[in-house]
Protein backbone atom coordinates (compact mmCIF):
# COMPACT_ATOMS: atom_id res chain seq x y z
CA MET A 1 0.21 -9.45 24.21
CA GLY A 2 1.03 -6.26 25.42
CA GLN A 3 1.32 -3.40 23.28
CA ILE A 4 4.65 -3.33 21.22
CA ALA A 5 6.72 -0.38 21.84
CA PRO A 6 8.03 1.76 18.74
CA SER A 7 11.63 1.43 18.04
CA SER A 8 13.55 4.66 17.40
CA ALA A 9 12.96 4.50 13.40
CA GLY A 10 9.08 4.81 14.34
CA ILE A 11 8.17 0.96 14.36
CA TYR A 12 7.57 -1.99 16.60
CA ALA A 13 10.84 -3.26 18.40
CA SER A 14 10.87 -6.86 17.05
CA ARG A 15 9.21 -9.38 14.65
CA VAL A 16 8.93 -6.63 12.09
CA ARG A 17 7.70 -8.27 8.64
CA PRO A 18 7.87 -6.62 4.86
CA TYR A 19 5.01 -6.46 3.36
CA THR A 20 6.34 -9.65 0.74
CA GLU A 21 5.19 -11.57 3.19
CA LEU A 22 1.34 -10.72 3.46
CA ALA A 23 -1.23 -12.70 0.70
CA GLY A 24 -1.24 -10.97 -2.31
CA LEU A 25 1.51 -8.77 -1.86
CA GLU A 26 4.33 -11.54 -2.82
CA GLN A 27 4.64 -11.00 -6.05
CA ILE A 28 4.44 -6.84 -5.92
CA VAL A 29 7.21 -4.05 -6.11
CA LEU A 30 5.55 -1.39 -3.75
CA GLU A 31 8.00 0.86 -4.11
CA SER A 32 7.91 1.16 -7.79
CA SER A 33 4.33 1.14 -7.65
CA TRP A 34 1.81 4.41 -7.71
CA VAL A 35 -0.86 5.36 -4.60
CA ARG A 36 -4.18 6.02 -6.69
CA GLY A 37 -5.85 7.41 -3.66
CA TRP A 38 -6.84 5.70 -0.16
CA GLN A 39 -10.37 5.49 1.65
CA GLU A 40 -11.25 5.76 5.35
CA TRP A 41 -14.40 4.79 6.85
CA SER A 42 -16.29 3.59 10.02
CA ARG A 43 -15.74 0.18 9.11
CA GLY A 44 -12.50 0.01 7.44
CA PHE A 45 -9.52 1.40 5.75
CA SER A 46 -8.08 1.01 2.24
CA VAL A 47 -5.19 2.49 -0.43
CA ASP A 48 -5.83 1.96 -3.99
CA VAL A 49 -2.28 1.13 -5.96
CA GLU A 50 -1.12 0.75 -9.26
CA ALA A 51 0.91 -2.56 -8.75
CA ALA A 52 4.02 -2.85 -10.20
CA LEU A 53 4.40 -6.49 -10.69
CA THR A 54 7.54 -8.66 -10.65
CA THR A 55 7.64 -11.34 -13.53
CA GLN A 56 6.55 -14.74 -11.10
CA HIS A 57 3.39 -12.32 -10.93
CA ARG A 58 0.81 -14.56 -12.65
CA SER A 59 -0.58 -11.25 -14.00
CA TRP A 60 2.78 -10.06 -15.32
CA ARG A 61 2.97 -9.15 -19.00
CA PRO A 62 5.12 -7.55 -21.24
CA ARG A 63 5.60 -3.60 -20.55
CA ARG A 64 3.37 -1.47 -22.32
CA ALA A 65 4.39 1.73 -24.63
CA GLY A 66 5.43 4.35 -21.91
CA GLU A 67 4.72 2.16 -18.89
CA ILE A 68 8.08 1.48 -16.34
CA GLU A 69 6.73 -1.43 -15.22
CA SER A 70 3.65 -4.24 -15.59
CA TYR A 71 1.33 -3.22 -13.47
CA LEU A 72 -2.14 -4.09 -12.27
CA ARG A 73 -4.65 -1.91 -10.26
CA VAL A 74 -5.41 -3.25 -6.83
CA GLN A 75 -6.79 -2.48 -3.57
CA ILE A 76 -5.16 -3.26 -0.38
CA VAL A 77 -8.46 -2.85 2.33
CA PHE A 78 -8.36 -3.51 6.22
CA ARG A 79 -11.73 -4.86 7.16
CA GLU A 80 -12.63 -3.54 10.58
CA PRO A 81 -9.48 -1.88 12.07
CA ASP A 82 -9.27 -1.33 15.70
CA ASP A 83 -7.49 1.84 14.67
CA VAL A 84 -6.27 3.80 12.06
CA GLU A 85 -3.93 6.61 12.97
CA TRP A 86 -2.08 9.28 10.76
CA VAL A 87 0.99 9.52 11.99
CA HIS A 88 1.48 12.25 9.43
CA PRO A 89 -1.34 13.42 7.85
CA PRO A 90 -1.29 13.33 4.43
CA SER A 91 0.25 16.12 2.54
CA GLN A 92 -1.46 17.65 -0.57
CA PRO A 93 -0.21 15.73 -4.23
CA ALA A 94 1.64 16.72 -6.26
CA MET A 95 -0.06 16.98 -10.17
CA ASP A 96 1.95 14.86 -12.59
CA ALA A 97 1.93 16.28 -16.49
CA ALA A 98 -1.30 15.25 -17.47
CA GLY A 99 -3.27 17.16 -14.17
CA GLU A 100 -3.84 13.97 -12.31
CA ARG A 101 -2.86 13.97 -8.47
CA ASP A 102 -0.33 11.92 -7.93
CA TRP A 103 0.37 10.43 -4.27
CA GLY A 104 3.89 9.32 -5.09
CA ASN A 105 4.68 5.92 -3.80
CA ILE A 106 4.45 3.44 -0.74
CA ASP A 107 8.17 3.86 0.45
CA ARG A 108 7.21 1.75 3.06
CA PHE A 109 5.11 -0.92 4.42
CA GLU A 110 5.83 -2.96 7.71
CA TRP A 111 3.91 -5.07 9.97
CA ASP A 112 3.95 -6.89 13.30
CA ASP A 113 1.06 -9.14 14.18
CA ARG A 114 -1.98 -6.99 14.15
CA GLN A 115 0.03 -3.58 13.70
CA PHE A 116 0.66 -2.62 9.85
CA GLU A 117 2.63 0.30 9.00
CA LEU A 118 2.55 2.25 5.67
CA GLU A 119 4.74 5.26 4.89
CA LEU A 120 2.86 6.94 1.79
CA GLY A 121 4.27 9.68 -0.24
CA ALA A 122 1.24 11.81 1.14
CA GLY A 123 1.68 11.11 4.76
CA LEU A 124 2.27 7.97 6.89
CA VAL A 125 -0.91 5.59 8.39
CA ARG A 126 -0.69 3.12 10.81
CA VAL A 127 -3.73 0.59 10.93
CA THR A 128 -4.29 -2.06 13.91
CA GLY A 129 -6.16 -4.93 13.53
CA SER A 130 -6.40 -8.09 11.03
CA LEU A 131 -4.05 -8.65 7.99
CA PRO A 132 -5.39 -6.77 4.89
CA GLU A 133 -7.25 -8.05 1.77
CA VAL A 134 -5.82 -7.75 -1.35
CA LEU A 135 -8.41 -7.44 -4.42
CA GLU A 136 -7.13 -7.46 -7.57
CA LEU A 137 -9.51 -4.68 -9.82
CA GLY A 138 -7.74 -5.61 -13.12
CA ASP A 139 -5.13 -4.54 -15.89
CA ILE A 140 -4.85 -0.56 -15.74
CA GLU A 141 -5.85 -0.23 -19.38
CA GLN A 142 -9.12 -2.03 -18.47
CA VAL A 143 -9.93 -0.71 -15.16
CA GLU A 144 -9.68 3.20 -16.48
């Protein structure tokens, strides 16, 4: 298969699919989730997320005091990608009221065959490779 030409919007010309068609992300709302960070290493790339759950997700629970959504810590892992390209390099994070780094949301996550484009609040990354794996790390209170 030849390389997919970017459209004027910056992603692929045809067959663009939403992240909700990826296994493990069907009942997660990334636009309402929080990026906790990311890791890039020689054999992979991952994004750590406090994922906002839909009521259909098996781990959904009523919101706790102070929460906007029901959250679950997940990691979106691309194992042995062919390429990881920061189209727009990450910016410096904001600091939240608790003094923690705030990388924002995943504003957009679209994919086409072997190309995945994630627009993080901090930058835009394009990953080429196999489908990502979504690891559920647990309820936010249990993880922290």
